[in-house]
Protein backbone atom coordinates (compact mmCIF):
# COMPACT_ATOMS: atom_id res chain seq x y z
CA MET A 1 -29.58 8.57 -0.43
CA THR A 2 -26.21 9.77 -0.58
CA THR A 3 -23.76 10.36 -3.19
CA ALA A 4 -20.30 8.68 -4.29
CA SER A 5 -18.68 11.85 -3.08
CA THR A 6 -20.15 11.97 0.31
CA SER A 7 -19.10 9.46 3.27
CA GLN A 8 -21.81 7.86 5.65
CA VAL A 9 -19.09 8.07 8.44
CA ARG A 10 -17.90 11.13 8.11
CA GLN A 11 -18.90 13.58 10.96
CA ASN A 12 -17.06 17.16 11.54
CA TYR A 13 -13.79 15.93 9.79
CA HIS A 14 -11.37 18.14 9.53
CA GLN A 15 -10.02 18.76 5.82
CA ASP A 16 -6.09 18.63 7.26
CA SER A 17 -6.95 15.58 9.19
CA GLU A 18 -8.66 13.86 5.67
CA ALA A 19 -5.74 15.22 3.75
CA ALA A 20 -3.37 13.63 6.24
CA LEU A 21 -5.11 10.11 6.12
CA ASN A 22 -5.27 9.95 2.53
CA ARG A 23 -1.26 10.49 2.36
CA GLN A 24 -0.70 7.84 4.97
CA ILE A 25 -3.00 5.61 2.65
CA ASN A 26 -0.97 6.28 -0.35
CA LEU A 27 2.01 5.43 1.53
CA GLU A 28 0.76 2.25 2.57
CA LEU A 29 -0.16 1.68 -1.14
CA TYR A 30 3.65 2.45 -1.87
CA ALA A 31 4.86 0.01 0.55
CA SER A 32 2.76 -2.58 -0.73
CA TYR A 33 3.87 -2.10 -4.21
CA VAL A 34 7.76 -2.21 -2.70
CA TYR A 35 6.87 -5.30 -1.12
CA LEU A 36 5.25 -7.01 -3.90
CA SER A 37 8.00 -6.00 -6.17
CA MET A 38 10.64 -7.55 -3.69
CA SER A 39 8.56 -10.63 -3.47
CA TYR A 40 8.29 -11.15 -7.39
CA TYR A 41 12.05 -10.82 -7.75
CA LEU A 42 12.92 -13.29 -4.93
CA ASP A 43 10.69 -15.74 -6.44
CA ARG A 44 12.33 -15.90 -9.82
CA ASP A 45 14.14 -19.32 -10.89
CA ASP A 46 17.38 -17.38 -11.22
CA VAL A 47 16.82 -15.94 -7.38
CA ALA A 48 15.06 -18.83 -6.05
CA LEU A 49 14.54 -17.38 -2.35
CA LYS A 50 11.06 -18.80 -1.89
CA ASN A 51 10.96 -17.96 1.89
CA PHE A 52 11.55 -14.61 1.37
CA ALA A 53 9.49 -14.36 -1.41
CA LYS A 54 6.66 -15.36 0.68
CA TYR A 55 7.43 -13.18 3.47
CA PHE A 56 7.45 -10.07 1.30
CA LEU A 57 4.28 -11.18 -0.48
CA HIS A 58 3.02 -11.47 3.02
CA GLN A 59 4.18 -7.89 3.86
CA SER A 60 2.51 -6.39 0.83
CA HIS A 61 -0.95 -7.95 1.76
CA GLU A 62 -0.60 -6.66 5.35
CA GLU A 63 0.31 -3.07 3.92
CA ARG A 64 -3.05 -3.14 2.01
CA GLU A 65 -4.89 -4.33 5.12
CA HIS A 66 -3.52 -1.21 7.08
CA LEU A 67 -4.87 1.31 4.33
CA GLN A 68 -8.32 -0.73 4.23
CA ASN A 69 -8.79 -0.21 8.22
CA GLN A 70 -8.17 3.32 8.00
CA ARG A 71 -11.39 5.40 7.27
CA SER A 72 -11.73 8.64 5.49
CA GLY A 73 -14.36 10.76 4.44
CA ARG A 74 -12.80 10.46 0.79
CA ILE A 75 -10.13 8.76 -0.69
CA PHE A 76 -8.17 10.70 -3.23
CA LEU A 77 -5.64 7.91 -4.79
CA GLN A 78 -2.39 9.39 -6.31
CA ASP A 79 0.04 7.74 -8.81
CA ILE A 80 1.77 5.15 -7.08
CA LYS A 81 5.65 5.89 -7.71
CA LYS A 82 7.58 3.14 -9.09
CA PRO A 83 10.17 1.53 -6.34
CA ASP A 84 13.59 2.76 -6.88
CA CYS A 85 15.14 -0.38 -6.99
CA ASP A 86 14.14 -3.68 -9.55
CA ASP A 87 17.08 -5.72 -8.61
CA TRP A 88 16.86 -6.35 -5.02
CA GLU A 89 20.28 -9.13 -5.19
CA SER A 90 19.27 -10.58 -1.92
CA GLY A 91 16.50 -10.77 0.60
CA LEU A 92 18.60 -8.84 3.34
């Protein structure tokens, strides 16, 4: 039986590779968070760009799929940085 900190798919996985993959996973989470922020902003009644909102919501889901498809020995999640912008002004 394995413990929570070991991976059944990990075999001779170099520590630097694992760290790089974890950085990539955290970047994918950040990108998903930014796209989600854009989607919610564009879906507001006073902005009303529903198709842009749907597009960015789809992009947010796609970024999360990317990170789920990447395998690592262990994942070390970091704090997700808040997007630099909250007021996107337009879909472009």
